[in-house]
Amino acid sequence: MRKYNGPSLQRFNTFGLDESADEVWVLQDEEDIRALASDESAMSRLKLILGGGSNLLLTGPIKGVVAHIALRGKKVLSETDDEVILEVAAGENWHQTVLWTIEQGYGGLENLSLIPGQVGTAPVQNIGAYGVELKDHFVSLDGISLENGEKRTFSKEDCQFGYRDSIFKHELKGNFIITAVRFNLTKRNHALRTDYGAIQGELEKRGIDKPTIADISAAVIAIRQSKLPDPMEIGNSGSFFKNPVVPTSEFDRIKSEYPEVVAYPAGEGKMKLAAGWLIEKAGWKGYRRGDAGVHERQALVLVNYGEARGREVYQLAKDIIADIREKFGIELSPEVNVL
């Protein structure tokens, strides 16, 4: 285990916010996690369990301990002619893991290409994109309790997955450190999802009528790169707001005034509104206040142009939420964790 005193967290968050922490513990294996759990002083000061920092907005310095997850490794647990159960350590990069599965010919995660972050934080958020969510291919995960150091396996039902949600954002928030995640992936007869968003259009543009999982991944990457800024070039956390799910009656009310509203079915009697459309319609797309702003190509993304403070980005988010509430009667909520 490595420990750092008083470091900047700038390299640990994709917003590139230069906030500090009193102490950072880099956890490289399960014994490191148990050492943290058994250290009463560190546990009393533990403020944040940090993965890739891709779903995080720091609004000030962390007065206490930050635990950074750095476990590595991938292994096939079982396989048949048709499918494979893959276990991936929590500290592995999500996108690189998706690319690796495609190289092996394993299907299922291709629509989730280019999502920033680490494997261990993906279930916390139940990440999703282009018609696929992590839970669709999830088997189970392991976590170590910070109360007693014991290891526990969580099934899909245990995780209580919802839209960008899980039990780890509620009852078990901060109680477990996820160490490994297992996925059920296909080896042949892949169930390709090309019916969501701009995937079909991108495939047609490439002259592909019988796509492979690699084709789907490449199309998703191209679409995301055309809309979303690279955190290595401009600080951001991807989609900042959740797409609000509303009753059909609410959707009908908005559609009567704005026939062009963008929305998708979200179960019986419900519709998912495109938060980016609401924000753009309200005039925020491309808005800049100092070094905090709304991206010029994607209104769903808040950005740090260089020297913004986290509290400035958060104030901008709150102003957008208030404006959308006033204009549309719709309540937006952040997808990122605000600290």
Protein backbone atom coordinates (compact mmCIF):
# COMPACT_ATOMS: atom_id res chain seq x y z
CA MET A 1 0.00 0.00 0.00
CA ARG A 2 1.11 3.56 -0.76
CA LYS A 3 0.16 6.56 1.36
CA TYR A 4 0.43 10.24 0.52
CA ASN A 5 0.02 13.15 2.90
CA GLY A 6 -1.61 16.40 1.72
CA PRO A 7 -1.68 15.60 -2.01
CA SER A 8 -3.60 17.36 -4.74
CA LEU A 9 -6.47 15.26 -6.08
CA GLN A 10 -6.24 16.85 -9.52
CA ARG A 11 -4.99 13.67 -11.20
CA PHE A 12 -7.63 11.61 -9.39
CA ASN A 13 -10.70 13.37 -10.85
CA THR A 14 -11.65 13.85 -14.50
CA PHE A 15 -12.94 17.37 -13.86
CA GLY A 16 -9.27 18.23 -13.21
CA LEU A 17 -10.18 20.12 -10.03
CA ASP A 18 -7.16 21.03 -7.94
CA GLU A 19 -8.56 20.16 -4.53
CA SER A 20 -6.44 18.53 -1.85
CA ALA A 21 -6.86 15.76 0.70
CA ASP A 22 -5.23 15.37 4.09
CA GLU A 23 -4.18 11.82 3.22
CA VAL A 24 -4.58 9.35 0.33
CA TRP A 25 -4.31 5.58 0.74
CA VAL A 26 -3.73 3.68 -2.53
CA LEU A 27 -5.28 0.22 -2.10
CA GLN A 28 -3.61 -2.35 -4.35
CA ASP A 29 -5.05 -5.61 -2.98
CA GLU A 30 -7.57 -7.00 -0.52
CA GLU A 31 -5.06 -6.95 2.35
CA ASP A 32 -4.62 -3.20 1.86
CA ILE A 33 -8.38 -2.80 2.23
CA ARG A 34 -8.42 -4.89 5.40
CA ALA A 35 -5.51 -2.84 6.76
CA LEU A 36 -7.55 0.30 6.22
CA ALA A 37 -10.65 -1.25 7.79
CA SER A 38 -8.68 -2.24 10.90
CA ASP A 39 -7.03 1.16 11.35
CA GLU A 40 -9.37 3.00 13.71
CA SER A 41 -7.67 6.35 13.18
CA ALA A 42 -7.86 6.15 9.40
CA MET A 43 -11.45 4.89 9.45
CA SER A 44 -12.55 7.73 11.71
CA ARG A 45 -11.14 10.16 9.12
CA LEU A 46 -12.23 8.32 5.94
CA LYS A 47 -14.17 10.75 3.74
CA LEU A 48 -14.06 9.30 0.22
CA ILE A 49 -13.61 5.98 -1.60
CA LEU A 50 -12.23 6.96 -4.99
CA GLY A 51 -12.10 5.00 -8.23
CA GLY A 52 -11.31 6.80 -11.46
CA GLY A 53 -12.85 10.04 -10.26
CA SER A 54 -15.04 10.17 -13.37
CA ASN A 55 -18.34 10.56 -11.53
CA LEU A 56 -17.24 13.11 -8.97
CA LEU A 57 -17.41 16.84 -8.36
CA LEU A 58 -15.13 18.07 -5.57
CA THR A 59 -16.38 21.38 -4.18
CA GLY A 60 -13.55 21.87 -1.69
CA PRO A 61 -10.60 20.20 0.04
CA ILE A 62 -11.14 16.79 1.64
CA LYS A 63 -10.47 17.09 5.35
CA GLY A 64 -9.61 13.49 6.04
CA VAL A 65 -8.58 10.26 4.33
CA VAL A 66 -9.24 9.36 0.69
CA ALA A 67 -8.99 5.66 -0.30
CA HIS A 68 -8.07 5.13 -3.95
CA ILE A 69 -8.91 1.72 -5.48
CA ALA A 70 -6.02 0.28 -7.52
CA LEU A 71 -6.70 -3.50 -7.67
CA ARG A 72 -5.83 -5.02 -11.07
CA GLY A 73 -6.50 -8.22 -13.00
CA LYS A 74 -8.93 -10.13 -15.24
CA LYS A 75 -9.74 -13.82 -15.36
CA VAL A 76 -12.24 -16.18 -16.97
CA LEU A 77 -14.07 -18.15 -14.29
CA SER A 78 -16.04 -20.46 -16.57
CA GLU A 79 -17.07 -20.78 -20.19
CA THR A 80 -19.10 -22.83 -22.62
CA ASP A 81 -19.30 -22.73 -26.39
CA ASP A 82 -21.82 -19.89 -26.09
CA GLU A 83 -20.84 -17.75 -23.12
CA VAL A 84 -18.19 -16.82 -20.59
CA ILE A 85 -18.17 -15.61 -16.98
CA LEU A 86 -15.49 -12.95 -16.65
CA GLU A 87 -14.15 -11.52 -13.38
CA VAL A 88 -12.48 -8.10 -13.46
CA ALA A 89 -10.70 -6.36 -10.57
CA ALA A 90 -12.22 -3.10 -9.38
CA GLY A 91 -9.24 -0.91 -10.26
CA GLU A 92 -9.19 -1.80 -13.96
CA ASN A 93 -10.09 0.99 -16.40
CA TRP A 94 -13.64 0.47 -17.69
CA HIS A 95 -13.12 1.42 -21.34
CA GLN A 96 -9.91 -0.58 -21.65
CA THR A 97 -11.75 -3.55 -20.18
CA VAL A 98 -14.53 -3.21 -22.77
CA LEU A 99 -11.95 -3.09 -25.58
CA TRP A 100 -10.24 -6.18 -24.13
CA THR A 101 -13.52 -8.14 -24.10
CA ILE A 102 -14.09 -7.24 -27.74
CA GLU A 103 -10.58 -8.40 -28.65
CA GLN A 104 -11.42 -11.76 -27.04
CA GLY A 105 -14.66 -11.97 -29.04
CA TYR A 106 -16.85 -11.54 -25.94
CA GLY A 107 -20.09 -9.64 -26.58
CA GLY A 108 -22.31 -7.61 -24.29
CA LEU A 109 -20.40 -4.52 -23.19
CA GLU A 110 -19.72 -2.95 -26.61
CA ASN A 111 -22.46 -0.30 -26.23
CA LEU A 112 -20.74 0.85 -23.04
CA SER A 113 -17.51 1.79 -24.81
CA LEU A 114 -15.68 4.99 -23.89
CA ILE A 115 -17.49 5.48 -20.57
CA PRO A 116 -14.87 6.90 -18.20
CA GLY A 117 -14.07 5.41 -14.81
CA GLN A 118 -13.10 2.11 -13.26
CA VAL A 119 -14.78 -1.29 -13.20
CA GLY A 120 -15.44 -1.16 -9.45
CA THR A 121 -17.43 2.06 -9.62
CA ALA A 122 -19.50 0.97 -12.64
CA PRO A 123 -22.01 -1.07 -10.56
CA VAL A 124 -22.41 1.74 -8.03
CA GLN A 125 -23.80 3.92 -10.80
CA ASN A 126 -25.26 1.07 -12.88
CA ILE A 127 -23.68 2.78 -15.87
CA GLY A 128 -25.55 2.68 -19.14
CA ALA A 129 -25.55 3.98 -22.69
CA TYR A 130 -27.28 3.35 -26.03
CA GLY A 131 -29.89 0.93 -24.72
CA VAL A 132 -27.60 -1.16 -22.50
CA GLU A 133 -27.00 -0.99 -18.74
CA LEU A 134 -24.32 -2.71 -16.70
CA LYS A 135 -26.97 -4.79 -14.92
CA ASP A 136 -27.90 -6.45 -18.24
CA HIS A 137 -24.66 -8.47 -18.16
CA PHE A 138 -23.91 -8.40 -14.44
CA VAL A 139 -23.54 -11.65 -12.47
CA SER A 140 -22.19 -10.65 -9.06
CA LEU A 141 -19.52 -8.62 -7.30
CA ASP A 142 -17.28 -8.95 -4.26
CA GLY A 143 -16.85 -6.29 -1.65
CA ILE A 144 -15.00 -5.98 1.64
CA SER A 145 -16.81 -4.52 4.62
CA LEU A 146 -15.13 -1.52 6.19
CA GLU A 147 -16.81 -2.39 9.48
CA ASN A 148 -15.22 -5.81 9.99
CA GLY A 149 -12.96 -6.52 6.98
CA GLU A 150 -15.09 -9.46 5.88
CA LYS A 151 -15.63 -10.27 2.21
CA ARG A 152 -19.16 -10.54 0.84
CA THR A 153 -20.54 -11.50 -2.56
CA PHE A 154 -23.49 -9.49 -3.89
CA SER A 155 -25.91 -10.93 -6.44
CA LYS A 156 -27.78 -8.80 -8.97
CA GLU A 157 -30.78 -8.77 -6.64
CA ASP A 158 -28.59 -7.74 -3.69
CA CYS A 159 -27.33 -4.72 -5.62
CA GLN A 160 -30.86 -3.32 -6.13
CA PHE A 161 -29.99 -1.78 -9.47
CA GLY A 162 -32.08 1.10 -10.77
CA TYR A 163 -31.61 3.87 -13.31
CA ARG A 164 -28.06 5.08 -12.55
CA ASP A 165 -28.60 3.69 -9.09
CA SER A 166 -27.75 0.84 -6.72
CA ILE A 167 -27.72 -0.06 -3.04
CA PHE A 168 -24.16 1.30 -2.88
CA LYS A 169 -25.51 4.84 -3.30
CA HIS A 170 -27.94 4.37 -0.41
CA GLU A 171 -27.93 1.89 2.49
CA LEU A 172 -24.40 0.64 1.84
CA LYS A 173 -22.83 3.93 0.76
CA GLY A 174 -19.30 4.05 2.15
CA ASN A 175 -19.71 0.69 3.92
CA PHE A 176 -18.08 -1.59 1.33
CA ILE A 177 -15.15 -1.35 -1.04
CA ILE A 178 -15.88 -3.31 -4.21
CA THR A 179 -12.95 -5.54 -5.16
CA ALA A 180 -14.12 -7.46 -8.26
CA VAL A 181 -17.07 -7.59 -10.65
CA ARG A 182 -18.29 -10.57 -12.70
CA PHE A 183 -20.02 -10.41 -16.08
CA ASN A 184 -21.87 -12.91 -18.27
CA LEU A 185 -20.78 -12.32 -21.88
CA THR A 186 -21.54 -14.10 -25.14
CA LYS A 187 -18.99 -15.85 -27.36
CA ARG A 188 -21.28 -16.19 -30.38
CA ASN A 189 -24.81 -15.26 -31.46
CA HIS A 190 -24.33 -11.85 -29.87
CA ALA A 191 -27.52 -9.87 -29.13
CA LEU A 192 -26.49 -6.61 -30.80
CA ARG A 193 -28.27 -3.39 -29.81
CA THR A 194 -28.30 -0.98 -32.74
CA ASP A 195 -31.74 0.54 -32.24
CA TYR A 196 -30.84 3.28 -29.78
CA GLY A 197 -29.55 6.76 -30.44
CA ALA A 198 -27.42 7.33 -33.49
CA ILE A 199 -25.82 3.88 -33.71
CA GLN A 200 -27.73 2.77 -36.81
CA GLY A 201 -26.99 6.03 -38.57
CA GLU A 202 -23.29 5.75 -37.78
CA LEU A 203 -23.20 2.17 -39.09
CA GLU A 204 -24.96 3.23 -42.30
CA LYS A 205 -22.46 6.05 -42.72
CA ARG A 206 -19.70 3.45 -42.50
CA GLY A 207 -21.46 1.16 -45.02
CA ILE A 208 -21.98 -1.60 -42.46
CA ASP A 209 -25.19 -3.62 -42.66
CA LYS A 210 -24.04 -6.70 -40.72
CA PRO A 211 -22.17 -5.24 -37.74
CA THR A 212 -19.88 -7.10 -35.38
CA ILE A 213 -19.39 -6.24 -31.72
CA ALA A 214 -16.25 -4.35 -32.79
CA ASP A 215 -18.32 -2.35 -35.29
CA ILE A 216 -20.82 -1.42 -32.57
CA SER A 217 -18.01 -0.34 -30.26
CA ALA A 218 -16.36 1.75 -32.97
CA ALA A 219 -19.69 3.42 -33.78
CA VAL A 220 -20.35 4.22 -30.12
CA ILE A 221 -16.84 5.62 -29.72
CA ALA A 222 -17.27 7.82 -32.79
CA ILE A 223 -20.64 9.11 -31.57
CA ARG A 224 -19.38 9.82 -28.07
CA GLN A 225 -16.25 11.56 -29.35
CA SER A 226 -18.38 13.77 -31.61
CA LYS A 227 -20.52 14.86 -28.66
CA LEU A 228 -18.45 14.55 -25.51
CA PRO A 229 -15.17 16.28 -24.69
CA ASP A 230 -12.09 14.23 -23.79
CA PRO A 231 -11.32 14.72 -20.05
CA MET A 232 -7.62 14.72 -20.96
CA GLU A 233 -8.24 17.89 -22.99
CA ILE A 234 -10.99 19.63 -21.02
CA GLY A 235 -12.08 18.73 -17.51
CA ASN A 236 -15.50 17.09 -17.29
CA SER A 237 -17.36 14.15 -15.81
CA GLY A 238 -19.39 13.14 -18.84
CA SER A 239 -23.14 13.48 -18.41
CA PHE A 240 -23.63 15.68 -15.36
CA PHE A 241 -27.41 15.27 -15.05
CA LYS A 242 -29.71 12.26 -15.07
CA ASN A 243 -32.39 12.05 -17.75
CA PRO A 244 -35.56 12.65 -15.72
CA VAL A 245 -38.22 9.95 -15.80
CA VAL A 246 -41.73 11.41 -15.67
CA PRO A 247 -45.33 10.16 -15.90
CA THR A 248 -46.74 10.07 -19.42
CA SER A 249 -49.12 12.86 -18.43
CA GLU A 250 -46.16 15.13 -17.70
CA PHE A 251 -44.59 14.23 -21.02
CA ASP A 252 -47.86 15.00 -22.81
CA ARG A 253 -48.00 18.38 -21.09
CA ILE A 254 -44.51 19.31 -22.29
CA LYS A 255 -45.07 17.86 -25.77
CA SER A 256 -48.19 19.98 -26.22
CA GLU A 257 -46.02 23.08 -25.82
CA TYR A 258 -42.81 21.69 -27.34
CA PRO A 259 -43.71 19.08 -30.02
CA GLU A 260 -40.01 18.51 -30.74
CA VAL A 261 -39.22 17.35 -27.18
CA VAL A 262 -36.86 14.35 -27.11
CA ALA A 263 -37.99 11.45 -24.93
CA TYR A 264 -37.94 7.66 -24.73
CA PRO A 265 -40.30 5.05 -23.22
CA ALA A 266 -39.30 4.18 -19.66
CA GLY A 267 -41.76 1.51 -18.65
CA GLU A 268 -45.52 1.49 -18.33
CA GLY A 269 -46.93 4.98 -17.92
CA LYS A 270 -43.51 6.64 -17.91
CA MET A 271 -41.24 8.54 -20.28
CA LYS A 272 -37.55 9.44 -19.99
CA LEU A 273 -36.92 13.03 -21.05
CA ALA A 274 -33.56 13.96 -22.58
CA ALA A 275 -32.01 16.30 -20.01
CA GLY A 276 -29.62 17.61 -22.65
CA TRP A 277 -32.56 18.70 -24.82
CA LEU A 278 -34.17 20.53 -21.88
CA ILE A 279 -30.93 22.33 -21.02
CA GLU A 280 -30.24 23.26 -24.64
CA LYS A 281 -33.82 24.45 -25.15
CA ALA A 282 -33.44 26.66 -22.09
CA GLY A 283 -30.43 28.34 -23.71
CA TRP A 284 -27.58 26.98 -21.60
CA LYS A 285 -25.65 25.09 -24.28
CA GLY A 286 -22.21 26.70 -24.71
CA TYR A 287 -22.71 28.99 -21.70
CA ARG A 288 -19.55 29.96 -19.84
CA ARG A 289 -19.04 31.62 -16.47
CA GLY A 290 -15.36 32.13 -15.82
CA ASP A 291 -13.74 28.72 -16.32
CA ALA A 292 -16.95 26.80 -15.54
CA GLY A 293 -19.29 26.15 -18.41
CA VAL A 294 -21.71 24.02 -20.39
CA HIS A 295 -20.08 22.23 -23.30
CA GLU A 296 -20.68 23.76 -26.71
CA ARG A 297 -21.59 20.45 -28.37
CA GLN A 298 -23.42 18.66 -25.55
CA ALA A 299 -25.60 20.55 -23.08
CA LEU A 300 -25.60 17.59 -20.69
CA VAL A 301 -21.89 18.07 -19.96
CA LEU A 302 -20.50 20.66 -17.56
CA VAL A 303 -16.83 21.49 -18.05
CA ASN A 304 -13.81 23.00 -16.38
CA TYR A 305 -11.96 25.14 -18.92
CA GLY A 306 -8.85 25.15 -16.77
CA GLU A 307 -8.98 26.93 -13.45
CA ALA A 308 -12.57 26.52 -12.28
CA ARG A 309 -13.21 25.59 -8.69
CA GLY A 310 -15.61 22.79 -7.90
CA ARG A 311 -17.97 25.14 -6.06
CA GLU A 312 -18.22 27.27 -9.22
CA VAL A 313 -19.22 24.26 -11.32
CA TYR A 314 -21.74 23.26 -8.67
CA GLN A 315 -23.28 26.73 -8.55
CA LEU A 316 -23.68 26.60 -12.32
CA ALA A 317 -25.40 23.22 -11.98
CA LYS A 318 -27.78 24.59 -9.34
CA ASP A 319 -28.63 27.57 -11.56
CA ILE A 320 -29.43 25.23 -14.46
CA ILE A 321 -31.62 23.03 -12.23
CA ALA A 322 -33.56 26.09 -11.02
CA ASP A 323 -34.03 27.37 -14.58
CA ILE A 324 -35.30 24.01 -15.89
CA ARG A 325 -37.71 23.80 -12.96
CA GLU A 326 -39.05 27.28 -13.75
CA LYS A 327 -39.29 26.81 -17.53
CA PHE A 328 -40.54 23.22 -17.76
CA GLY A 329 -41.70 22.22 -14.29
CA ILE A 330 -39.16 19.37 -14.41
CA GLU A 331 -36.69 18.63 -11.63
CA LEU A 332 -33.19 17.69 -12.79
CA SER A 333 -30.78 15.90 -10.48
CA PRO A 334 -27.02 15.39 -10.79
CA GLU A 335 -25.72 12.08 -12.04
CA VAL A 336 -22.33 12.81 -10.46
CA ASN A 337 -21.49 12.60 -6.77
CA VAL A 338 -21.03 16.07 -5.29
CA LEU A 339 -18.66 16.39 -2.33
